[in-house]
Amino acid sequence: MKIAFHGAARAVTGSKHLITLQNNTQILLDCGMFQGMGEATEKLNSYFGFEPAAVTYMILSHAHIDHCGLLPRLVAEGFTGTIFSTPATMDLARILLMDSAKIQEQDAEYANKKSRHNEEIEEPLYTEDDVVKTLSQFKVIDYNKEFEISPEIKLLFTDAGHIVGSAAVHLEIKEGDKTQRLTFSGDVGRYGDLLLKSPQTFPQADYIIMESTYGDSLHKDLEPIENMLLEIIHQTCIVKKGKVIIPAFSVGRTQELLYALNGLELKNKLPDIPFYVDSPLSIQATQVLKNHPEVYNNGVKEVMKIDEDPFAFKGLKFIEDVKESKALNDDSRPCVIISASGMAEGGRVRHHIRNAIGNQKNTILMVGYCAPDTLGGRLLAGDKTVYLFRENYKVFAQIRSIKSMSAHGDYEDLLQFLSCQDPKMVQQLFLVHGEYDVQQNFAQRIKSHGFKHVTIPEYHQVFDCNPEPAWSI
């Protein structure tokens, strides 16, 4: 058995990990799009590093675009096998991939209109037709139900607690008279998440591919999320008569925000101002979450005994129409606008930020991970001037963040996720999905907990798991 790391290697996005067996069976774990990598992003997304038609099976941990966003490209380039996921992951992938294809096609059309006659025609990475074909290849498997992919390969999904449908992937692979167990963490959520169940324990593994996005961070805030939201909204909207702009991922953060704001209303603390969710994708993702109550934790279930819709409250309006979205920028009244994308790299939120960034009475509130090269990352870093829509804008609005709203576990959560394993039985632990300096720090923490063989793979690096491994940093 060999493992090759074709994405999220010493980087956060682009998840692609390819397992090749001795009989040439190939199992692809995730097929994510690179995001926020500056000028290199387009090139990274155009080259897999392997032959799509040679992949036998594809297993998807969850539906975030940096984990599923290149699936239609994989299919368009020749992959004809089955895509395994949880039911909720397929539901989310359907809306996220359709949205991604639409953006690809619109961007290509716009670029071609602006191009000169001697320039190459720009093609989208994939089309909506490619997405339809991709969805036809899905097969859903419930959590905690072992499934035999083939006589040599068994698959088990356990709840990773990251977003609705997210799973850690567990494979039992038999080659000859040898059976090896491999776990891919996907993205690990928080223990004590606002909405979702905590990550589950999982069977002992011989090899672990482990995410490490926040491997050197703690998300602890001094105040509960509801209190922090209330303080920011009160100071901005009531005291300063400004707007709160919240870039939020359509899946996960938007629903947590709605749940927290609903909690304030149930306590009669929510200010009487308009709240807008300006993202058609967020509206669809919220409905997917409502359709999968099996992922809710006990706290949400208790709230639903007194409030059948924990994601709706007085003053909330969902915006779908583009004209309505644009009208928000012309309305000077205090309000809260929640809009995608979470890193502020695309979508309607960039227009709201441009409108609000030059006025000190406004607040831009970041509630999730932002890659350093993204607009959100630059705002969090304290840049006083940012480049937006081909112009420089001075930052006068207040920049705030709520760290504990990250969907990713911090290093304490990641270590707790690993705590069900006997370190002596883990032959090799690979760290993926993280910045290299963060991974180096996290590797030392893992080693201090008894995991002796920890490796940080390079992009396209291949490891042979058949001989006794001797790799470590």
Protein backbone atom coordinates (compact mmCIF):
# COMPACT_ATOMS: atom_id res chain seq x y z
CA MET A 1 0.00 0.00 0.00
CA LYS A 2 1.26 3.44 -0.98
CA ILE A 3 -0.12 6.85 -0.01
CA ALA A 4 0.46 9.94 -2.17
CA PHE A 5 -0.40 13.45 -1.02
CA HIS A 6 -1.65 15.52 -3.94
CA GLY A 7 -3.19 18.38 -1.99
CA ALA A 8 -3.37 19.97 1.46
CA ALA A 9 0.30 19.03 1.85
CA ARG A 10 1.98 21.74 3.94
CA ALA A 11 -1.06 23.84 3.00
CA VAL A 12 -4.63 24.08 4.29
CA THR A 13 -6.70 23.55 1.13
CA GLY A 14 -6.91 21.22 -1.87
CA SER A 15 -7.47 17.94 0.00
CA LYS A 16 -6.44 14.95 -2.18
CA HIS A 17 -4.83 11.79 -0.75
CA LEU A 18 -4.39 8.79 -3.04
CA ILE A 19 -4.00 5.22 -1.78
CA THR A 20 -2.62 2.68 -4.26
CA LEU A 21 -2.75 -1.03 -3.47
CA GLN A 22 -0.45 -3.76 -4.77
CA ASN A 23 -3.12 -4.86 -7.27
CA ASN A 24 -3.26 -1.24 -8.59
CA THR A 25 -6.62 -0.47 -6.98
CA GLN A 26 -6.63 3.28 -6.28
CA ILE A 27 -8.69 4.92 -3.52
CA LEU A 28 -8.90 8.73 -3.54
CA LEU A 29 -9.66 10.40 -0.23
CA ASP A 30 -11.30 13.78 -1.00
CA CYS A 31 -10.90 15.81 -4.18
CA GLY A 32 -10.76 19.39 -2.99
CA MET A 33 -10.16 22.70 -4.67
CA PHE A 34 -7.21 24.88 -3.72
CA GLN A 35 -8.33 28.23 -2.34
CA GLY A 36 -6.58 31.42 -1.25
CA MET A 37 -3.18 30.47 -2.73
CA GLY A 38 -2.70 33.72 -4.63
CA GLU A 39 -1.57 33.53 -8.25
CA ALA A 40 -0.70 29.83 -7.89
CA THR A 41 -4.33 28.85 -7.20
CA GLU A 42 -5.41 28.44 -10.83
CA LYS A 43 -2.39 26.30 -11.74
CA LEU A 44 -2.81 24.09 -8.67
CA ASN A 45 -6.46 23.43 -9.56
CA SER A 46 -5.64 22.48 -13.15
CA TYR A 47 -3.26 19.61 -12.31
CA PHE A 48 -4.13 16.54 -10.22
CA GLY A 49 -0.74 14.84 -10.13
CA PHE A 50 -2.40 11.50 -10.96
CA GLU A 51 -4.58 10.03 -13.70
CA PRO A 52 -8.31 10.46 -12.86
CA ALA A 53 -9.34 7.53 -15.07
CA ALA A 54 -7.06 5.20 -13.05
CA VAL A 55 -8.85 5.95 -9.73
CA THR A 56 -11.05 3.02 -8.69
CA TYR A 57 -13.00 4.46 -5.75
CA MET A 58 -13.44 7.93 -4.29
CA ILE A 59 -14.33 8.59 -0.63
CA LEU A 60 -15.50 12.07 0.44
CA SER A 61 -15.10 13.17 4.07
CA HIS A 62 -17.36 16.24 3.80
CA ALA A 63 -18.76 18.81 1.40
CA HIS A 64 -16.59 21.89 1.91
CA ILE A 65 -15.23 23.03 -1.45
CA ASP A 66 -11.60 22.54 -0.39
CA HIS A 67 -12.50 18.85 0.04
CA CYS A 68 -15.04 18.21 -2.77
CA GLY A 69 -14.64 21.14 -5.17
CA LEU A 70 -12.72 19.32 -7.93
CA LEU A 71 -14.91 16.21 -8.05
CA PRO A 72 -16.66 17.31 -11.27
CA ARG A 73 -13.25 17.98 -12.83
CA LEU A 74 -12.17 14.46 -11.79
CA VAL A 75 -15.25 13.01 -13.49
CA ALA A 76 -14.80 15.19 -16.58
CA GLU A 77 -11.24 13.85 -16.93
CA GLY A 78 -12.26 10.20 -16.83
CA PHE A 79 -13.15 8.99 -13.32
CA THR A 80 -16.10 6.58 -13.60
CA GLY A 81 -16.05 4.92 -10.16
CA THR A 82 -18.29 5.27 -7.12
CA ILE A 83 -18.12 8.26 -4.78
CA PHE A 84 -18.87 7.28 -1.17
CA SER A 85 -20.19 9.83 1.36
CA THR A 86 -22.71 10.28 4.15
CA PRO A 87 -26.27 11.25 3.09
CA ALA A 88 -25.95 14.83 4.38
CA THR A 89 -22.61 15.27 2.61
CA MET A 90 -24.23 14.36 -0.71
CA ASP A 91 -27.06 16.83 -0.06
CA LEU A 92 -24.57 19.61 0.65
CA ALA A 93 -22.27 18.66 -2.21
CA ARG A 94 -25.19 18.98 -4.61
CA ILE A 95 -25.80 22.65 -3.82
CA LEU A 96 -22.15 23.62 -3.30
CA LEU A 97 -20.89 22.03 -6.51
CA MET A 98 -23.76 23.48 -8.56
CA ASP A 99 -22.93 26.91 -7.17
CA SER A 100 -19.23 26.39 -7.88
CA ALA A 101 -19.94 25.33 -11.48
CA LYS A 102 -22.11 28.38 -12.03
CA ILE A 103 -19.31 30.63 -10.76
CA GLN A 104 -16.78 28.83 -13.00
CA GLU A 105 -18.94 29.32 -16.08
CA GLN A 106 -19.74 32.97 -15.29
CA ASP A 107 -16.08 33.80 -14.61
CA ALA A 108 -14.99 32.19 -17.88
CA GLU A 109 -17.69 34.02 -19.83
CA TYR A 110 -16.69 37.35 -18.30
CA ALA A 111 -12.98 36.77 -18.95
CA ASN A 112 -13.64 35.85 -22.58
CA LYS A 113 -15.68 39.01 -23.13
CA LYS A 114 -12.76 41.08 -21.82
CA SER A 115 -10.06 39.16 -23.70
CA ARG A 116 -8.34 40.31 -26.87
CA HIS A 117 -8.72 38.38 -30.14
CA ASN A 118 -5.27 36.77 -29.89
CA GLU A 119 -5.75 35.49 -26.33
CA GLU A 120 -6.71 31.90 -25.51
CA ILE A 121 -10.35 31.18 -24.73
CA GLU A 122 -10.76 30.60 -21.00
CA GLU A 123 -12.60 27.43 -20.03
CA PRO A 124 -14.32 26.73 -16.70
CA LEU A 125 -12.82 23.99 -14.52
CA TYR A 126 -16.16 22.22 -14.98
CA THR A 127 -19.78 22.83 -15.90
CA GLU A 128 -23.17 22.20 -14.34
CA ASP A 129 -23.51 19.16 -16.63
CA ASP A 130 -20.31 17.77 -15.10
CA VAL A 131 -21.84 18.22 -11.64
CA VAL A 132 -25.00 16.32 -12.65
CA LYS A 133 -22.86 13.43 -13.90
CA THR A 134 -20.79 13.52 -10.70
CA LEU A 135 -23.86 13.34 -8.46
CA SER A 136 -25.04 10.24 -10.34
CA GLN A 137 -21.91 8.43 -9.14
CA PHE A 138 -22.56 9.01 -5.41
CA LYS A 139 -23.43 6.21 -3.01
CA VAL A 140 -24.41 7.21 0.53
CA ILE A 141 -23.37 5.28 3.63
CA ASP A 142 -24.72 6.08 7.11
CA TYR A 143 -22.48 6.74 10.09
CA ASN A 144 -21.26 3.66 12.01
CA LYS A 145 -22.37 1.17 9.32
CA GLU A 146 -19.42 -0.85 8.02
CA PHE A 147 -19.64 -1.22 4.25
CA GLU A 148 -17.73 -3.68 2.08
CA ILE A 149 -16.49 -1.78 -0.97
CA SER A 150 -14.79 -4.92 -2.26
CA PRO A 151 -13.62 -8.19 -0.70
CA GLU A 152 -10.34 -6.43 0.16
CA ILE A 153 -11.69 -3.04 1.35
CA LYS A 154 -14.11 -2.18 4.16
CA LEU A 155 -15.29 1.38 4.85
CA LEU A 156 -16.63 2.97 8.04
CA PHE A 157 -17.74 6.58 8.58
CA THR A 158 -17.78 8.13 12.06
CA ASP A 159 -19.08 11.60 12.88
CA ALA A 160 -16.27 14.19 12.77
CA GLY A 161 -18.43 17.00 14.22
CA HIS A 162 -17.11 19.57 11.71
CA ILE A 163 -20.16 20.38 9.57
CA VAL A 164 -23.42 18.57 8.84
CA GLY A 165 -22.50 15.21 7.33
CA SER A 166 -18.78 15.46 8.02
CA ALA A 167 -17.04 12.15 8.65
CA ALA A 168 -13.75 10.62 9.59
CA VAL A 169 -12.95 7.84 7.13
CA HIS A 170 -11.80 4.42 8.34
CA LEU A 171 -10.55 1.78 5.93
CA GLU A 172 -9.66 -1.84 6.55
CA ILE A 173 -7.50 -2.97 3.64
CA LYS A 174 -6.44 -6.56 3.05
CA GLU A 175 -3.48 -7.32 0.81
CA GLY A 176 -2.51 -10.97 0.68
CA ASP A 177 -2.38 -12.24 4.27
CA LYS A 178 -1.86 -8.73 5.70
CA THR A 179 -4.65 -6.41 6.89
CA GLN A 180 -3.92 -2.73 7.52
CA ARG A 181 -6.23 -0.13 9.06
CA LEU A 182 -6.10 3.47 7.90
CA THR A 183 -7.97 6.49 9.28
CA PHE A 184 -8.37 9.83 7.51
CA SER A 185 -9.65 12.44 9.95
CA GLY A 186 -11.22 14.72 7.34
CA ASP A 187 -11.68 17.98 9.23
CA VAL A 188 -12.17 17.55 12.98
CA GLY A 189 -14.81 19.68 14.71
CA ARG A 190 -15.09 21.10 18.18
CA TYR A 191 -15.91 19.23 21.36
CA GLY A 192 -18.88 21.15 22.79
CA ASP A 193 -19.89 22.67 19.43
CA LEU A 194 -22.89 25.01 19.48
CA LEU A 195 -24.94 22.82 17.12
CA LEU A 196 -23.29 19.52 16.31
CA LYS A 197 -22.37 16.37 18.20
CA SER A 198 -18.76 16.04 19.30
CA PRO A 199 -16.38 13.96 17.15
CA GLN A 200 -16.78 10.23 17.77
CA THR A 201 -14.14 7.83 18.95
CA PHE A 202 -12.91 5.45 16.26
CA PRO A 203 -11.28 2.01 15.87
CA GLN A 204 -7.55 1.53 16.35
CA ALA A 205 -5.59 2.48 13.22
CA ASP A 206 -2.18 1.50 11.88
CA TYR A 207 -1.94 4.66 9.77
CA ILE A 208 -3.58 8.02 10.41
CA ILE A 209 -3.88 10.96 8.02
CA MET A 210 -4.65 13.85 10.34
CA GLU A 211 -5.69 17.45 9.71
CA SER A 212 -3.81 20.16 11.60
CA THR A 213 -5.33 23.51 10.61
CA TYR A 214 -5.28 24.87 14.17
CA GLY A 215 -2.50 22.66 15.49
CA ASP A 216 -0.90 25.48 17.47
CA SER A 217 -4.00 27.48 18.49
CA LEU A 218 -6.63 27.52 21.18
CA HIS A 219 -10.07 28.90 20.35
CA LYS A 220 -11.08 29.81 23.87
CA ASP A 221 -12.90 33.14 24.21
CA LEU A 222 -13.51 34.73 27.59
CA GLU A 223 -17.18 35.28 26.79
CA PRO A 224 -19.82 32.88 25.43
CA ILE A 225 -20.64 33.42 21.74
CA GLU A 226 -24.07 34.92 22.48
CA ASN A 227 -22.57 37.51 24.83
CA MET A 228 -19.86 38.49 22.36
CA LEU A 229 -22.36 38.85 19.53
CA LEU A 230 -24.64 40.95 21.71
CA GLU A 231 -21.80 43.28 22.78
CA ILE A 232 -20.59 43.80 19.19
CA ILE A 233 -24.11 44.37 17.84
CA HIS A 234 -25.04 46.75 20.69
CA GLN A 235 -21.89 48.86 20.38
CA THR A 236 -22.05 49.04 16.58
CA CYS A 237 -25.76 49.22 15.80
CA ILE A 238 -27.26 50.82 18.91
CA VAL A 239 -24.47 53.08 20.19
CA LYS A 240 -22.69 54.04 16.93
CA LYS A 241 -25.69 53.53 14.58
CA GLY A 242 -23.50 51.49 12.22
CA LYS A 243 -23.61 48.16 10.44
CA VAL A 244 -22.10 44.81 11.42
CA ILE A 245 -20.85 42.92 8.36
CA ILE A 246 -20.14 39.23 9.01
CA PRO A 247 -18.35 37.22 6.30
CA ALA A 248 -19.53 33.69 7.05
CA PHE A 249 -19.19 30.36 5.30
CA SER A 250 -22.54 29.27 3.86
CA VAL A 251 -22.20 25.93 5.62
CA GLY A 252 -21.59 25.89 9.36
CA ARG A 253 -20.84 29.43 10.47
CA THR A 254 -24.04 30.96 9.08
CA GLN A 255 -26.18 28.38 10.87
CA GLU A 256 -24.25 28.83 14.15
CA LEU A 257 -24.77 32.57 13.95
CA LEU A 258 -28.51 32.16 13.36
CA TYR A 259 -28.75 29.72 16.26
CA ALA A 260 -26.88 32.09 18.61
CA LEU A 261 -29.00 35.07 17.56
CA ASN A 262 -32.14 32.99 18.03
CA GLY A 263 -30.89 32.19 21.54
CA LEU A 264 -30.65 35.91 22.29
CA GLU A 265 -34.24 36.37 21.13
CA LEU A 266 -35.42 33.53 23.37
CA LYS A 267 -33.80 35.43 26.26
CA ASN A 268 -35.43 38.70 25.11
CA LYS A 269 -31.99 40.28 24.54
CA LEU A 270 -31.93 40.63 20.75
CA PRO A 271 -31.91 44.29 19.59
CA ASP A 272 -34.85 45.40 17.44
CA ILE A 273 -32.90 45.89 14.18
CA PRO A 274 -32.92 44.14 10.81
CA PHE A 275 -30.81 40.99 10.36
CA TYR A 276 -30.04 39.86 6.81
CA VAL A 277 -28.64 36.62 5.44
CA ASP A 278 -27.49 37.76 1.99
CA SER A 279 -26.48 34.49 0.34
CA PRO A 280 -28.73 32.15 -1.65
CA LEU A 281 -26.29 29.34 -0.94
CA SER A 282 -26.56 29.92 2.82
CA ILE A 283 -30.32 29.66 2.58
CA GLN A 284 -30.07 26.27 0.87
CA ALA A 285 -27.41 25.05 3.32
CA THR A 286 -29.58 26.05 6.28
CA GLN A 287 -32.39 23.94 4.83
CA VAL A 288 -30.02 20.95 4.48
CA LEU A 289 -29.14 21.26 8.17
CA LYS A 290 -32.86 21.40 9.06
CA ASN A 291 -33.35 18.22 7.00
CA HIS A 292 -30.72 16.34 9.04
CA PRO A 293 -31.63 16.73 12.73
CA GLU A 294 -29.71 13.52 13.48
CA VAL A 295 -26.51 15.61 13.67
CA TYR A 296 -27.84 17.98 16.38
CA ASN A 297 -26.36 17.81 19.86
CA ASN A 298 -28.52 17.53 22.97
CA GLY A 299 -28.52 21.30 23.56
CA VAL A 300 -30.19 21.96 20.21
CA LYS A 301 -32.70 19.18 20.83
CA GLU A 302 -33.67 20.82 24.14
CA VAL A 303 -34.15 24.21 22.44
CA MET A 304 -36.37 22.58 19.80
CA LYS A 305 -38.77 21.49 22.55
CA ILE A 306 -39.74 25.15 22.96
CA ASP A 307 -38.79 26.52 19.51
CA GLU A 308 -39.42 24.33 16.49
CA ASP A 309 -37.14 26.45 14.26
CA PRO A 310 -33.93 27.37 16.12
CA PHE A 311 -32.56 29.20 13.05
CA ALA A 312 -35.28 31.87 12.73
CA PHE A 313 -36.15 34.93 14.81
CA LYS A 314 -37.87 38.32 14.64
CA GLY A 315 -36.20 40.75 12.25
CA LEU A 316 -34.47 38.06 10.15
CA LYS A 317 -34.75 38.28 6.36
CA PHE A 318 -33.14 36.06 3.75
CA ILE A 319 -31.95 37.90 0.63
CA GLU A 320 -31.84 36.07 -2.70
CA ASP A 321 -32.45 38.78 -5.29
CA VAL A 322 -29.37 40.70 -6.49
CA LYS A 323 -31.28 44.00 -6.53
CA GLU A 324 -32.25 43.52 -2.88
CA SER A 325 -28.62 42.76 -2.04
CA LYS A 326 -27.42 45.94 -3.74
CA ALA A 327 -30.12 47.95 -1.97
CA LEU A 328 -28.61 47.04 1.42
CA ASN A 329 -25.56 49.14 0.53
CA ASP A 330 -27.76 52.18 -0.07
CA ASP A 331 -29.61 51.75 3.23
CA SER A 332 -27.83 53.69 5.98
CA ARG A 333 -29.88 52.26 8.85
CA PRO A 334 -28.15 50.09 11.49
CA CYS A 335 -28.34 46.38 10.66
CA VAL A 336 -26.46 43.07 10.70
CA ILE A 337 -25.53 41.50 7.35
CA ILE A 338 -24.34 37.88 7.24
CA SER A 339 -22.98 37.01 3.81
CA ALA A 340 -20.62 34.55 2.11
CA SER A 341 -17.79 33.89 1.64
CA GLY A 342 -16.18 33.28 5.03
CA MET A 343 -12.71 34.38 3.90
CA ALA A 344 -14.22 37.36 2.04
CA GLU A 345 -12.61 36.13 -1.18
CA GLY A 346 -15.77 36.09 -3.26
CA GLY A 347 -19.50 36.55 -3.21
CA ARG A 348 -21.72 39.40 -2.14
CA VAL A 349 -19.91 40.06 1.13
CA ARG A 350 -17.07 41.81 -0.69
CA HIS A 351 -19.51 44.49 -1.85
CA HIS A 352 -20.78 44.94 1.72
CA ILE A 353 -17.21 45.21 3.01
CA ARG A 354 -16.33 47.79 0.37
CA ASN A 355 -19.38 49.80 1.40
CA ALA A 356 -18.62 49.59 5.14
CA ILE A 357 -14.83 49.56 5.42
CA GLY A 358 -14.28 53.30 5.22
CA ASN A 359 -16.55 54.27 8.14
CA GLN A 360 -15.41 53.86 11.73
CA LYS A 361 -18.96 53.39 13.00
CA ASN A 362 -19.13 50.00 11.20
CA THR A 363 -17.73 46.63 12.32
CA ILE A 364 -16.46 43.75 10.18
CA LEU A 365 -16.72 40.60 12.27
CA MET A 366 -14.69 37.53 11.26
CA VAL A 367 -15.99 34.20 12.57
CA GLY A 368 -13.87 31.49 10.94
CA TYR A 369 -10.50 30.49 9.53
CA CYS A 370 -9.02 32.84 6.92
CA ALA A 371 -5.95 31.95 4.87
CA PRO A 372 -3.30 34.70 5.20
CA ASP A 373 -3.50 35.74 1.52
CA THR A 374 -7.27 36.28 1.56
CA LEU A 375 -9.07 39.57 2.21
CA GLY A 376 -10.30 38.18 5.53
CA GLY A 377 -6.78 37.14 6.46
CA ARG A 378 -5.40 40.59 5.68
CA LEU A 379 -8.11 42.28 7.75
CA LEU A 380 -7.39 39.98 10.70
CA ALA A 381 -3.66 40.72 10.34
CA GLY A 382 -4.42 44.41 10.88
CA ASP A 383 -3.69 45.75 7.38
CA LYS A 384 -4.63 49.42 7.23
CA THR A 385 -5.21 49.33 3.48
CA VAL A 386 -6.72 46.48 1.45
CA TYR A 387 -7.09 45.89 -2.28
CA LEU A 388 -10.69 45.33 -3.29
CA PHE A 389 -12.32 45.50 -6.74
CA ARG A 390 -9.09 46.81 -8.27
CA GLU A 391 -8.84 49.70 -5.82
CA ASN A 392 -7.13 50.32 -2.47
CA TYR A 393 -9.41 51.03 0.48
CA LYS A 394 -8.30 52.39 3.82
CA VAL A 395 -9.59 50.39 6.78
CA PHE A 396 -11.48 52.62 9.22
CA ALA A 397 -14.16 50.12 10.26
CA GLN A 398 -13.48 48.14 13.43
CA ILE A 399 -12.24 44.59 12.78
CA ARG A 400 -13.37 42.00 15.34
CA SER A 401 -13.24 38.22 15.53
CA ILE A 402 -14.85 35.40 17.49
CA LYS A 403 -12.25 32.63 17.53
CA SER A 404 -14.43 30.01 19.17
CA MET A 405 -16.77 29.95 16.16
CA SER A 406 -14.23 28.09 14.04
CA ALA A 407 -15.53 24.78 12.67
CA HIS A 408 -12.04 23.32 13.11
CA GLY A 409 -10.88 21.88 16.40
CA ASP A 410 -7.93 23.56 18.11
CA TYR A 411 -4.91 21.55 19.29
CA GLU A 412 -6.71 20.38 22.43
CA ASP A 413 -9.62 19.12 20.31
CA LEU A 414 -7.26 17.40 17.87
CA LEU A 415 -5.40 15.69 20.70
CA GLN A 416 -8.69 14.60 22.24
CA PHE A 417 -9.68 13.15 18.85
CA LEU A 418 -6.49 11.07 18.90
CA SER A 419 -6.87 10.04 22.54
CA CYS A 420 -8.85 6.89 21.64
CA GLN A 421 -5.75 5.48 19.92
CA ASP A 422 -2.91 3.44 21.37
CA PRO A 423 0.11 5.43 20.07
CA LYS A 424 2.32 2.34 20.12
CA MET A 425 0.08 0.65 17.55
CA VAL A 426 0.12 3.59 15.12
CA GLN A 427 2.91 2.88 12.65
CA GLN A 428 2.76 6.31 11.02
CA LEU A 429 0.80 9.53 11.51
CA PHE A 430 0.74 11.97 8.58
CA LEU A 431 -0.10 15.63 9.19
CA VAL A 432 -2.01 17.38 6.40
CA HIS A 433 -4.27 20.45 6.10
CA GLY A 434 -2.09 23.00 7.84
CA GLU A 435 0.54 25.67 7.37
CA TYR A 436 4.00 24.09 7.66
CA ASP A 437 5.12 26.00 10.77
CA VAL A 438 1.85 25.12 12.49
CA GLN A 439 2.30 21.46 11.58
CA GLN A 440 5.84 21.39 12.96
CA ASN A 441 4.58 22.70 16.30
CA PHE A 442 1.69 20.27 16.37
CA ALA A 443 4.00 17.36 15.50
CA GLN A 444 5.95 18.01 18.69
CA ARG A 445 2.74 18.02 20.73
CA ILE A 446 1.69 14.69 19.19
CA LYS A 447 5.09 13.17 19.87
CA SER A 448 4.85 14.20 23.50
CA HIS A 449 1.66 12.11 23.65
CA GLY A 450 3.50 8.97 22.54
CA PHE A 451 3.14 9.00 18.75
CA LYS A 452 6.72 8.35 17.67
CA HIS A 453 6.43 8.39 13.88
CA VAL A 454 4.99 11.71 12.68
CA THR A 455 5.48 12.90 9.10
CA ILE A 456 4.58 16.13 7.32
CA PRO A 457 4.32 15.14 3.64
CA GLU A 458 5.37 17.41 0.81
CA TYR A 459 3.15 18.14 -2.19
CA HIS A 460 2.92 15.00 -4.42
CA GLN A 461 5.13 13.00 -2.02
CA VAL A 462 4.56 9.22 -2.01
CA PHE A 463 5.05 6.88 0.97
CA ASP A 464 5.32 3.09 0.83
CA CYS A 465 3.50 1.56 3.81
CA ASN A 466 4.54 -2.03 3.12
CA PRO A 467 8.05 -1.99 4.59
CA GLU A 468 8.48 -1.05 8.23
CA PRO A 469 8.28 2.79 8.11
CA ALA A 470 11.16 4.80 9.48
CA TRP A 471 10.05 8.30 8.52
CA SER A 472 9.62 11.02 11.08
CA ILE A 473 10.48 14.68 11.39
